[in-house]
Amino acid sequence: MKCLQVFRSNYLFESYKVFKQKRKKDNFPKADERVIHNVFVFLNMHHILAILFIILL
C-alpha cells in the first residue's frame, strides 16, 4: 500500500513538472544561455570601445 502511494505521488509530481514546463513561454534554461549571451554582448561592447579609443589616438 505504501509503495502505491509513493508511486502515485511521484507520478503526480512528474506530471506537474511536465505541465509547468509546457506552460513556460520561453524554453531557455534559467541562467545558462542568457548569461552566455550577456557576457558576449558585454565583451563585444568593450571591443568596440577599445577600437574607437585606438582610432581617437
N, C-alpha and C. Protein backbone atom coordinates (compact mmCIF):
# COMPACT_ATOMS: atom_id res chain seq x y z
N MET A 1 0.83 -1.20 0.00
CA MET A 1 0.00 0.00 0.00
C MET A 1 0.87 1.25 0.00
N LYS A 2 1.92 1.24 0.82
CA LYS A 2 2.80 2.40 0.90
C LYS A 2 3.50 2.63 -0.44
N CYS A 3 3.88 1.56 -1.12
CA CYS A 3 4.55 1.66 -2.41
C CYS A 3 3.62 2.32 -3.44
N LEU A 4 2.36 1.98 -3.39
CA LEU A 4 1.39 2.57 -4.32
C LEU A 4 1.25 4.07 -4.07
N GLN A 5 1.26 4.49 -2.82
CA GLN A 5 1.17 5.92 -2.50
C GLN A 5 2.41 6.67 -2.99
N VAL A 6 3.56 6.07 -2.82
CA VAL A 6 4.80 6.70 -3.30
C VAL A 6 4.77 6.81 -4.81
N PHE A 7 4.36 5.75 -5.48
CA PHE A 7 4.27 5.77 -6.93
C PHE A 7 3.30 6.86 -7.40
N ARG A 8 2.16 6.96 -6.76
CA ARG A 8 1.15 7.94 -7.14
C ARG A 8 1.67 9.37 -6.92
N SER A 9 2.33 9.61 -5.81
CA SER A 9 2.84 10.95 -5.55
C SER A 9 3.95 11.32 -6.53
N ASN A 10 4.82 10.35 -6.85
CA ASN A 10 5.85 10.60 -7.86
C ASN A 10 5.23 10.91 -9.22
N TYR A 11 4.23 10.15 -9.59
CA TYR A 11 3.54 10.37 -10.86
C TYR A 11 2.91 11.76 -10.91
N LEU A 12 2.25 12.16 -9.85
CA LEU A 12 1.64 13.48 -9.81
C LEU A 12 2.68 14.58 -9.87
N PHE A 13 3.78 14.41 -9.16
CA PHE A 13 4.83 15.42 -9.16
C PHE A 13 5.47 15.55 -10.54
N GLU A 14 5.77 14.44 -11.18
CA GLU A 14 6.37 14.48 -12.52
C GLU A 14 5.39 15.05 -13.54
N SER A 15 4.12 14.73 -13.41
CA SER A 15 3.11 15.31 -14.30
C SER A 15 3.04 16.82 -14.13
N TYR A 16 3.13 17.27 -12.89
CA TYR A 16 3.12 18.71 -12.62
C TYR A 16 4.34 19.38 -13.26
N LYS A 17 5.52 18.77 -13.17
CA LYS A 17 6.72 19.35 -13.75
C LYS A 17 6.60 19.45 -15.27
N VAL A 18 6.06 18.41 -15.91
CA VAL A 18 5.88 18.43 -17.36
C VAL A 18 4.87 19.50 -17.75
N PHE A 19 3.78 19.59 -17.03
CA PHE A 19 2.76 20.59 -17.30
C PHE A 19 3.33 22.00 -17.14
N LYS A 20 4.10 22.22 -16.10
CA LYS A 20 4.70 23.52 -15.84
C LYS A 20 5.69 23.89 -16.94
N GLN A 21 6.48 22.93 -17.40
CA GLN A 21 7.46 23.19 -18.46
C GLN A 21 6.76 23.54 -19.77
N LYS A 22 5.66 22.88 -20.07
CA LYS A 22 4.94 23.16 -21.32
C LYS A 22 4.26 24.52 -21.29
N ARG A 23 3.92 25.02 -20.11
CA ARG A 23 3.25 26.31 -20.00
C ARG A 23 4.22 27.49 -20.06
N LYS A 24 5.52 27.22 -19.91
CA LYS A 24 6.50 28.31 -19.94
C LYS A 24 6.50 28.96 -21.31
N LYS A 25 6.66 30.27 -21.34
CA LYS A 25 6.65 30.99 -22.60
C LYS A 25 7.96 30.83 -23.35
N ASP A 26 9.07 30.75 -22.65
CA ASP A 26 10.35 30.52 -23.30
C ASP A 26 10.96 29.24 -22.76
N ASN A 27 11.73 28.59 -23.58
CA ASN A 27 12.31 27.31 -23.19
C ASN A 27 13.77 27.44 -22.79
N PHE A 28 14.21 28.67 -22.47
CA PHE A 28 15.58 28.87 -22.04
C PHE A 28 15.78 28.30 -20.64
N PRO A 29 16.92 27.75 -20.40
CA PRO A 29 17.25 27.43 -19.01
C PRO A 29 17.31 28.72 -18.21
N LYS A 30 17.24 28.62 -16.92
CA LYS A 30 17.15 29.82 -16.10
C LYS A 30 18.35 30.74 -16.25
N ALA A 31 19.56 30.23 -16.42
CA ALA A 31 20.71 31.12 -16.46
C ALA A 31 21.63 30.89 -17.63
N ASP A 32 21.87 29.68 -18.01
CA ASP A 32 22.98 29.34 -18.88
C ASP A 32 23.06 30.15 -20.17
N GLU A 33 22.08 30.03 -21.04
CA GLU A 33 22.17 30.68 -22.34
C GLU A 33 22.05 32.20 -22.22
N ARG A 34 21.27 32.67 -21.30
CA ARG A 34 21.14 34.11 -21.13
C ARG A 34 22.43 34.73 -20.62
N VAL A 35 23.08 34.06 -19.69
CA VAL A 35 24.35 34.56 -19.15
C VAL A 35 25.39 34.57 -20.24
N ILE A 36 25.47 33.53 -21.04
CA ILE A 36 26.44 33.47 -22.13
C ILE A 36 26.17 34.62 -23.11
N HIS A 37 24.92 34.86 -23.44
CA HIS A 37 24.58 35.95 -24.35
C HIS A 37 24.97 37.30 -23.76
N ASN A 38 24.68 37.53 -22.48
CA ASN A 38 25.02 38.80 -21.85
C ASN A 38 26.52 39.03 -21.78
N VAL A 39 27.28 37.98 -21.50
CA VAL A 39 28.74 38.12 -21.48
C VAL A 39 29.26 38.44 -22.87
N PHE A 40 28.71 37.81 -23.88
CA PHE A 40 29.11 38.09 -25.26
C PHE A 40 28.83 39.55 -25.62
N VAL A 41 27.67 40.05 -25.28
CA VAL A 41 27.33 41.45 -25.56
C VAL A 41 28.26 42.38 -24.79
N PHE A 42 28.55 42.07 -23.55
CA PHE A 42 29.43 42.89 -22.72
C PHE A 42 30.83 42.96 -23.33
N LEU A 43 31.39 41.82 -23.71
CA LEU A 43 32.73 41.81 -24.29
C LEU A 43 32.75 42.47 -25.66
N ASN A 44 31.70 42.29 -26.43
CA ASN A 44 31.62 42.92 -27.75
C ASN A 44 31.62 44.44 -27.61
N MET A 45 30.89 44.96 -26.65
CA MET A 45 30.86 46.41 -26.43
C MET A 45 32.24 46.92 -26.03
N HIS A 46 32.96 46.18 -25.21
CA HIS A 46 34.29 46.61 -24.81
C HIS A 46 35.27 46.58 -25.97
N HIS A 47 35.12 45.62 -26.87
CA HIS A 47 35.98 45.59 -28.05
C HIS A 47 35.70 46.81 -28.93
N ILE A 48 34.45 47.17 -29.09
CA ILE A 48 34.10 48.34 -29.89
C ILE A 48 34.66 49.60 -29.25
N LEU A 49 34.54 49.72 -27.94
CA LEU A 49 35.10 50.89 -27.25
C LEU A 49 36.62 50.95 -27.39
N ALA A 50 37.27 49.81 -27.32
CA ALA A 50 38.73 49.78 -27.46
C ALA A 50 39.14 50.20 -28.87
N ILE A 51 38.44 49.74 -29.88
CA ILE A 51 38.75 50.14 -31.26
C ILE A 51 38.53 51.63 -31.43
N LEU A 52 37.45 52.18 -30.90
CA LEU A 52 37.20 53.63 -31.01
C LEU A 52 38.28 54.41 -30.28
N PHE A 53 38.71 53.94 -29.14
CA PHE A 53 39.78 54.61 -28.39
C PHE A 53 41.08 54.62 -29.17
N ILE A 54 41.42 53.50 -29.82
CA ILE A 54 42.64 53.44 -30.61
C ILE A 54 42.55 54.39 -31.81
N ILE A 55 41.37 54.46 -32.44
CA ILE A 55 41.19 55.36 -33.58
C ILE A 55 41.36 56.82 -33.14
N LEU A 56 40.87 57.16 -31.95
CA LEU A 56 40.97 58.53 -31.48
C LEU A 56 42.41 58.93 -31.17
N LEU A 57 43.27 57.99 -30.83
CA LEU A 57 44.66 58.30 -30.54
C LEU A 57 45.36 58.53 -31.84
